[in-house]
Amino acid sequence: MTKEEKELLVQDIKVLINSTVEPLVEINPKFLDYFTDDELVALKEDLLQKKKNFMQNNADWLNEIYEKTKKDEL
């Protein structure tokens, strides 16, 4: 993996860690040295999966609330 590819990967990870758009979470570069390229890719994939699961869980919860409000059960 080139240095540019690794920097882009780290940038993607920072975006996935954040709960808001700005400012991005800073990750200590020395901490990143402990990870192999494959581990960083796996970390990104794990964060993407967690975000997908979180969005699905929220969608289910919001749908449940919506159904209750239709029945006025809140």
PDB file of N, CA and C in Angstrom:
ATOM      1  N   MET A   1       0.862  -1.169   0.000  1.00  0.00           N
ATOM      2  CA  MET A   1       0.000   0.000   0.000  1.00  0.00           C
ATOM      3  C   MET A   1       0.908   1.232   0.000  1.00  0.00           C
ATOM      4  N   THR A   2       0.585   2.168  -0.884  1.00  0.00           N
ATOM      5  CA  THR A   2       1.397   3.383  -0.957  1.00  0.00           C
ATOM      6  C   THR A   2       1.080   4.295   0.218  1.00  0.00           C
ATOM      7  N   LYS A   3       1.944   5.261   0.436  1.00  0.00           N
ATOM      8  CA  LYS A   3       1.736   6.221   1.521  1.00  0.00           C
ATOM      9  C   LYS A   3       0.437   7.004   1.301  1.00  0.00           C
ATOM     10  N   GLU A   4       0.158   7.372   0.053  1.00  0.00           N
ATOM     11  CA  GLU A   4      -1.068   8.121  -0.260  1.00  0.00           C
ATOM     12  C   GLU A   4      -2.315   7.282   0.013  1.00  0.00           C
ATOM     13  N   GLU A   5      -2.244   5.999  -0.356  1.00  0.00           N
ATOM     14  CA  GLU A   5      -3.378   5.101  -0.109  1.00  0.00           C
ATOM     15  C   GLU A   5      -3.622   4.936   1.391  1.00  0.00           C
ATOM     16  N   LYS A   6      -2.536   4.819   2.148  1.00  0.00           N
ATOM     17  CA  LYS A   6      -2.662   4.667   3.597  1.00  0.00           C
ATOM     18  C   LYS A   6      -3.237   5.942   4.216  1.00  0.00           C
ATOM     19  N   GLU A   7      -2.805   7.105   3.746  1.00  0.00           N
ATOM     20  CA  GLU A   7      -3.340   8.369   4.260  1.00  0.00           C
ATOM     21  C   GLU A   7      -4.832   8.485   3.964  1.00  0.00           C
ATOM     22  N   LEU A   8      -5.243   8.060   2.779  1.00  0.00           N
ATOM     23  CA  LEU A   8      -6.660   8.084   2.418  1.00  0.00           C
ATOM     24  C   LEU A   8      -7.451   7.112   3.297  1.00  0.00           C
ATOM     25  N   LEU A   9      -6.899   5.950   3.553  1.00  0.00           N
ATOM     26  CA  LEU A   9      -7.534   4.965   4.416  1.00  0.00           C
ATOM     27  C   LEU A   9      -7.704   5.518   5.832  1.00  0.00           C
ATOM     28  N   VAL A  10      -6.669   6.149   6.356  1.00  0.00           N
ATOM     29  CA  VAL A  10      -6.736   6.743   7.691  1.00  0.00           C
ATOM     30  C   VAL A  10      -7.780   7.859   7.714  1.00  0.00           C
ATOM     31  N   GLN A  11      -7.845   8.639   6.662  1.00  0.00           N
ATOM     32  CA  GLN A  11      -8.848   9.708   6.570  1.00  0.00           C
ATOM     33  C   GLN A  11     -10.261   9.111   6.596  1.00  0.00           C
ATOM     34  N   ASP A  12     -10.468   8.031   5.868  1.00  0.00           N
ATOM     35  CA  ASP A  12     -11.769   7.350   5.867  1.00  0.00           C
ATOM     36  C   ASP A  12     -12.130   6.855   7.270  1.00  0.00           C
ATOM     37  N   ILE A  13     -11.154   6.314   7.979  1.00  0.00           N
ATOM     38  CA  ILE A  13     -11.381   5.824   9.338  1.00  0.00           C
ATOM     39  C   ILE A  13     -11.764   6.974  10.257  1.00  0.00           C
ATOM     40  N   LYS A  14     -11.081   8.105  10.119  1.00  0.00           N
ATOM     41  CA  LYS A  14     -11.409   9.279  10.935  1.00  0.00           C
ATOM     42  C   LYS A  14     -12.851   9.720  10.704  1.00  0.00           C
ATOM     43  N   VAL A  15     -13.275   9.726   9.457  1.00  0.00           N
ATOM     44  CA  VAL A  15     -14.650  10.126   9.128  1.00  0.00           C
ATOM     45  C   VAL A  15     -15.650   9.147   9.746  1.00  0.00           C
ATOM     46  N   LEU A  16     -15.346   7.858   9.689  1.00  0.00           N
ATOM     47  CA  LEU A  16     -16.252   6.849  10.237  1.00  0.00           C
ATOM     48  C   LEU A  16     -16.322   6.906  11.763  1.00  0.00           C
ATOM     49  N   ILE A  17     -15.247   7.299  12.415  1.00  0.00           N
ATOM     50  CA  ILE A  17     -15.236   7.395  13.877  1.00  0.00           C
ATOM     51  C   ILE A  17     -16.093   8.564  14.347  1.00  0.00           C
ATOM     52  N   ASN A  18     -16.101   9.636  13.579  1.00  0.00           N
ATOM     53  CA  ASN A  18     -16.844  10.836  13.973  1.00  0.00           C
ATOM     54  C   ASN A  18     -18.343  10.618  13.955  1.00  0.00           C
ATOM     55  N   SER A  19     -19.002  11.292  14.883  1.00  0.00           N
ATOM     56  CA  SER A  19     -20.467  11.279  14.875  1.00  0.00           C
ATOM     57  C   SER A  19     -21.008  12.536  14.214  1.00  0.00           C
ATOM     58  N   THR A  20     -20.134  13.495  13.973  1.00  0.00           N
ATOM     59  CA  THR A  20     -20.502  14.718  13.271  1.00  0.00           C
ATOM     60  C   THR A  20     -19.527  14.929  12.118  1.00  0.00           C
ATOM     61  N   VAL A  21     -19.850  15.863  11.255  1.00  0.00           N
ATOM     62  CA  VAL A  21     -19.007  16.097  10.082  1.00  0.00           C
ATOM     63  C   VAL A  21     -17.681  16.751  10.460  1.00  0.00           C
ATOM     64  N   GLU A  22     -17.719  17.740  11.296  1.00  0.00           N
ATOM     65  CA  GLU A  22     -16.508  18.468  11.670  1.00  0.00           C
ATOM     66  C   GLU A  22     -16.458  18.663  13.163  1.00  0.00           C
ATOM     67  N   PRO A  23     -15.360  18.848  13.781  1.00  0.00           N
ATOM     68  CA  PRO A  23     -14.011  18.572  13.292  1.00  0.00           C
ATOM     69  C   PRO A  23     -13.712  17.073  13.372  1.00  0.00           C
ATOM     70  N   LEU A  24     -12.824  16.636  12.525  1.00  0.00           N
ATOM     71  CA  LEU A  24     -12.470  15.220  12.495  1.00  0.00           C
ATOM     72  C   LEU A  24     -11.666  14.839  13.734  1.00  0.00           C
ATOM     73  N   VAL A  25     -11.867  13.613  14.177  1.00  0.00           N
ATOM     74  CA  VAL A  25     -11.092  13.063  15.273  1.00  0.00           C
ATOM     75  C   VAL A  25      -9.649  12.925  14.793  1.00  0.00           C
ATOM     76  N   GLU A  26      -8.721  13.310  15.645  1.00  0.00           N
ATOM     77  CA  GLU A  26      -7.318  13.131  15.290  1.00  0.00           C
ATOM     78  C   GLU A  26      -6.819  11.823  15.894  1.00  0.00           C
ATOM     79  N   ILE A  27      -6.065  11.091  15.109  1.00  0.00           N
ATOM     80  CA  ILE A  27      -5.498   9.822  15.554  1.00  0.00           C
ATOM     81  C   ILE A  27      -3.989   9.999  15.606  1.00  0.00           C
ATOM     82  N   ASN A  28      -3.404   9.639  16.719  1.00  0.00           N
ATOM     83  CA  ASN A  28      -1.960   9.755  16.890  1.00  0.00           C
ATOM     84  C   ASN A  28      -1.259   8.893  15.840  1.00  0.00           C
ATOM     85  N   PRO A  29      -0.422   9.520  15.001  1.00  0.00           N
ATOM     86  CA  PRO A  29       0.271   8.756  13.946  1.00  0.00           C
ATOM     87  C   PRO A  29       1.124   7.611  14.494  1.00  0.00           C
ATOM     88  N   LYS A  30       1.697   7.776  15.682  1.00  0.00           N
ATOM     89  CA  LYS A  30       2.500   6.703  16.267  1.00  0.00           C
ATOM     90  C   LYS A  30       1.624   5.507  16.623  1.00  0.00           C
ATOM     91  N   PHE A  31       0.382   5.769  16.997  1.00  0.00           N
ATOM     92  CA  PHE A  31      -0.559   4.693  17.290  1.00  0.00           C
ATOM     93  C   PHE A  31      -0.840   3.893  16.023  1.00  0.00           C
ATOM     94  N   LEU A  32      -0.958   4.590  14.910  1.00  0.00           N
ATOM     95  CA  LEU A  32      -1.247   3.926  13.634  1.00  0.00           C
ATOM     96  C   LEU A  32      -0.101   3.044  13.161  1.00  0.00           C
ATOM     97  N   ASP A  33       1.113   3.352  13.596  1.00  0.00           N
ATOM     98  CA  ASP A  33       2.267   2.549  13.200  1.00  0.00           C
ATOM     99  C   ASP A  33       2.170   1.108  13.711  1.00  0.00           C
ATOM    100  N   TYR A  34       1.374   0.892  14.741  1.00  0.00           N
ATOM    101  CA  TYR A  34       1.221  -0.448  15.298  1.00  0.00           C
ATOM    102  C   TYR A  34       0.363  -1.349  14.415  1.00  0.00           C
ATOM    103  N   PHE A  35      -0.397  -0.764  13.503  1.00  0.00           N
ATOM    104  CA  PHE A  35      -1.311  -1.535  12.665  1.00  0.00           C
ATOM    105  C   PHE A  35      -0.711  -1.821  11.300  1.00  0.00           C
ATOM    106  N   THR A  36      -0.956  -3.029  10.816  1.00  0.00           N
ATOM    107  CA  THR A  36      -0.559  -3.353   9.446  1.00  0.00           C
ATOM    108  C   THR A  36      -1.608  -2.762   8.502  1.00  0.00           C
ATOM    109  N   ASP A  37      -1.280  -2.745   7.235  1.00  0.00           N
ATOM    110  CA  ASP A  37      -2.231  -2.250   6.236  1.00  0.00           C
ATOM    111  C   ASP A  37      -3.522  -3.073   6.275  1.00  0.00           C
ATOM    112  N   ASP A  38      -3.374  -4.387   6.391  1.00  0.00           N
ATOM    113  CA  ASP A  38      -4.553  -5.265   6.434  1.00  0.00           C
ATOM    114  C   ASP A  38      -5.415  -4.987   7.655  1.00  0.00           C
ATOM    115  N   GLU A  39      -4.772  -4.697   8.781  1.00  0.00           N
ATOM    116  CA  GLU A  39      -5.533  -4.383   9.993  1.00  0.00           C
ATOM    117  C   GLU A  39      -6.293  -3.062   9.849  1.00  0.00           C
ATOM    118  N   LEU A  40      -5.688  -2.087   9.193  1.00  0.00           N
ATOM    119  CA  LEU A  40      -6.371  -0.812   8.969  1.00  0.00           C
ATOM    120  C   LEU A  40      -7.572  -0.997   8.042  1.00  0.00           C
ATOM    121  N   VAL A  41      -7.408  -1.812   7.017  1.00  0.00           N
ATOM    122  CA  VAL A  41      -8.526  -2.101   6.112  1.00  0.00           C
ATOM    123  C   VAL A  41      -9.640  -2.806   6.882  1.00  0.00           C
ATOM    124  N   ALA A  42      -9.273  -3.760   7.723  1.00  0.00           N
ATOM    125  CA  ALA A  42     -10.269  -4.480   8.527  1.00  0.00           C
ATOM    126  C   ALA A  42     -10.969  -3.533   9.499  1.00  0.00           C
ATOM    127  N   LEU A  43     -10.229  -2.594  10.061  1.00  0.00           N
ATOM    128  CA  LEU A  43     -10.814  -1.604  10.962  1.00  0.00           C
ATOM    129  C   LEU A  43     -11.846  -0.758  10.229  1.00  0.00           C
ATOM    130  N   LYS A  44     -11.506  -0.329   9.029  1.00  0.00           N
ATOM    131  CA  LYS A  44     -12.440   0.464   8.236  1.00  0.00           C
ATOM    132  C   LYS A  44     -13.703  -0.346   7.927  1.00  0.00           C
ATOM    133  N   GLU A  45     -13.527  -1.588   7.519  1.00  0.00           N
ATOM    134  CA  GLU A  45     -14.680  -2.443   7.202  1.00  0.00           C
ATOM    135  C   GLU A  45     -15.557  -2.667   8.434  1.00  0.00           C
ATOM    136  N   ASP A  46     -14.928  -2.851   9.588  1.00  0.00           N
ATOM    137  CA  ASP A  46     -15.672  -3.034  10.834  1.00  0.00           C
ATOM    138  C   ASP A  46     -16.483  -1.782  11.171  1.00  0.00           C
ATOM    139  N   LEU A  47     -15.867  -0.616  11.017  1.00  0.00           N
ATOM    140  CA  LEU A  47     -16.574   0.639  11.283  1.00  0.00           C
ATOM    141  C   LEU A  47     -17.744   0.828  10.319  1.00  0.00           C
ATOM    142  N   LEU A  48     -17.544   0.474   9.061  1.00  0.00           N
ATOM    143  CA  LEU A  48     -18.635   0.572   8.078  1.00  0.00           C
ATOM    144  C   LEU A  48     -19.797  -0.340   8.463  1.00  0.00           C
ATOM    145  N   GLN A  49     -19.484  -1.557   8.903  1.00  0.00           N
ATOM    146  CA  GLN A  49     -20.528  -2.497   9.301  1.00  0.00           C
ATOM    147  C   GLN A  49     -21.277  -1.995  10.532  1.00  0.00           C
ATOM    148  N   LYS A  50     -20.547  -1.452  11.498  1.00  0.00           N
ATOM    149  CA  LYS A  50     -21.186  -0.918  12.702  1.00  0.00           C
ATOM    150  C   LYS A  50     -22.094   0.258  12.356  1.00  0.00           C
ATOM    151  N   LYS A  51     -21.651   1.097  11.442  1.00  0.00           N
ATOM    152  CA  LYS A  51     -22.472   2.230  11.033  1.00  0.00           C
ATOM    153  C   LYS A  51     -23.739   1.744  10.337  1.00  0.00           C
ATOM    154  N   LYS A  52     -23.604   0.741   9.493  1.00  0.00           N
ATOM    155  CA  LYS A  52     -24.764   0.179   8.796  1.00  0.00           C
ATOM    156  C   LYS A  52     -25.748  -0.421   9.798  1.00  0.00           C
ATOM    157  N   ASN A  53     -25.229  -1.188  10.764  1.00  0.00           N
ATOM    158  CA  ASN A  53     -26.079  -1.788  11.788  1.00  0.00           C
ATOM    159  C   ASN A  53     -26.764  -0.723  12.631  1.00  0.00           C
ATOM    160  N   PHE A  54     -26.037   0.320  12.983  1.00  0.00           N
ATOM    161  CA  PHE A  54     -26.594   1.402  13.780  1.00  0.00           C
ATOM    162  C   PHE A  54     -27.734   2.082  13.033  1.00  0.00           C
ATOM    163  N   MET A  55     -27.524   2.339  11.758  1.00  0.00           N
ATOM    164  CA  MET A  55     -28.557   2.992  10.955  1.00  0.00           C
ATOM    165  C   MET A  55     -29.787   2.093  10.847  1.00  0.00           C
ATOM    166  N   GLN A  56     -29.590   0.791  10.678  1.00  0.00           N
ATOM    167  CA  GLN A  56     -30.714  -0.139  10.578  1.00  0.00           C
ATOM    168  C   GLN A  56     -31.478  -0.206  11.894  1.00  0.00           C
ATOM    169  N   ASN A  57     -30.748  -0.269  13.011  1.00  0.00           N
ATOM    170  CA  ASN A  57     -31.398  -0.314  14.321  1.00  0.00           C
ATOM    171  C   ASN A  57     -32.197   0.958  14.571  1.00  0.00           C
ATOM    172  N   ASN A  58     -31.646   2.092  14.192  1.00  0.00           N
ATOM    173  CA  ASN A  58     -32.371   3.351  14.357  1.00  0.00           C
ATOM    174  C   ASN A  58     -33.612   3.386  13.473  1.00  0.00           C
ATOM    175  N   ALA A  59     -33.498   2.869  12.270  1.00  0.00           N
ATOM    176  CA  ALA A  59     -34.645   2.860  11.363  1.00  0.00           C
ATOM    177  C   ALA A  59     -35.766   2.009  11.951  1.00  0.00           C
ATOM    178  N   ASP A  60     -35.411   0.862  12.517  1.00  0.00           N
ATOM    179  CA  ASP A  60     -36.407  -0.011  13.143  1.00  0.00           C
ATOM    180  C   ASP A  60     -37.072   0.701  14.318  1.00  0.00           C
ATOM    181  N   TRP A  61     -36.269   1.356  15.148  1.00  0.00           N
ATOM    182  CA  TRP A  61     -36.793   2.058  16.319  1.00  0.00           C
ATOM    183  C   TRP A  61     -37.699   3.214  15.900  1.00  0.00           C
ATOM    184  N   LEU A  62     -37.250   3.992  14.916  1.00  0.00           N
ATOM    185  CA  LEU A  62     -38.067   5.116  14.453  1.00  0.00           C
ATOM    186  C   LEU A  62     -39.385   4.631  13.850  1.00  0.00           C
ATOM    187  N   ASN A  63     -39.341   3.529  13.150  1.00  0.00           N
ATOM    188  CA  ASN A  63     -40.563   2.957  12.576  1.00  0.00           C
ATOM    189  C   ASN A  63     -41.517   2.510  13.688  1.00  0.00           C
ATOM    190  N   GLU A  64     -40.953   1.934  14.736  1.00  0.00           N
ATOM    191  CA  GLU A  64     -41.778   1.511  15.872  1.00  0.00           C
ATOM    192  C   GLU A  64     -42.439   2.730  16.528  1.00  0.00           C
ATOM    193  N   ILE A  65     -41.691   3.789  16.731  1.00  0.00           N
ATOM    194  CA  ILE A  65     -42.250   5.015  17.309  1.00  0.00           C
ATOM    195  C   ILE A  65     -43.336   5.579  16.400  1.00  0.00           C
ATOM    196  N   TYR A  66     -43.086   5.576  15.116  1.00  0.00           N
ATOM    197  CA  TYR A  66     -44.067   6.087  14.155  1.00  0.00           C
ATOM    198  C   TYR A  66     -45.369   5.291  14.247  1.00  0.00           C
ATOM    199  N   GLU A  67     -45.252   3.973  14.301  1.00  0.00           N
ATOM    200  CA  GLU A  67     -46.445   3.126  14.390  1.00  0.00           C
ATOM    201  C   GLU A  67     -47.219   3.412  15.689  1.00  0.00           C
ATOM    202  N   LYS A  68     -46.509   3.646  16.778  1.00  0.00           N
ATOM    203  CA  LYS A  68     -47.167   3.943  18.043  1.00  0.00           C
ATOM    204  C   LYS A  68     -47.890   5.301  17.976  1.00  0.00           C
ATOM    205  N   THR A  69     -47.281   6.263  17.300  1.00  0.00           N
ATOM    206  CA  THR A  69     -47.926   7.579  17.227  1.00  0.00           C
ATOM    207  C   THR A  69     -49.180   7.511  16.365  1.00  0.00           C
ATOM    208  N   LYS A  70     -49.170   6.620  15.393  1.00  0.00           N
ATOM    209  CA  LYS A  70     -50.385   6.449  14.576  1.00  0.00           C
ATOM    210  C   LYS A  70     -51.523   5.921  15.448  1.00  0.00           C
ATOM    211  N   LYS A  71     -51.171   5.109  16.450  1.00  0.00           N
ATOM    212  CA  LYS A  71     -52.172   4.532  17.336  1.00  0.00           C
ATOM    213  C   LYS A  71     -52.330   5.381  18.602  1.00  0.00           C
ATOM    214  N   ASP A  72     -51.523   6.432  18.724  1.00  0.00           N
ATOM    215  CA  ASP A  72     -51.536   7.314  19.882  1.00  0.00           C
ATOM    216  C   ASP A  72     -51.226   6.537  21.167  1.00  0.00           C
ATOM    217  N   GLU A  73     -50.171   5.732  21.107  1.00  0.00           N
ATOM    218  CA  GLU A  73     -49.773   4.912  22.256  1.00  0.00           C
ATOM    219  C   GLU A  73     -48.586   5.480  23.007  1.00  0.00           C
ATOM    220  N   LEU A  74     -48.140   6.645  22.694  1.00  0.00           N
ATOM    221  CA  LEU A  74     -46.964   7.176  23.392  1.00  0.00           C
ATOM    222  C   LEU A  74     -47.267   7.675  24.757  1.00  0.00           C
TER     223      LEU A  74
END
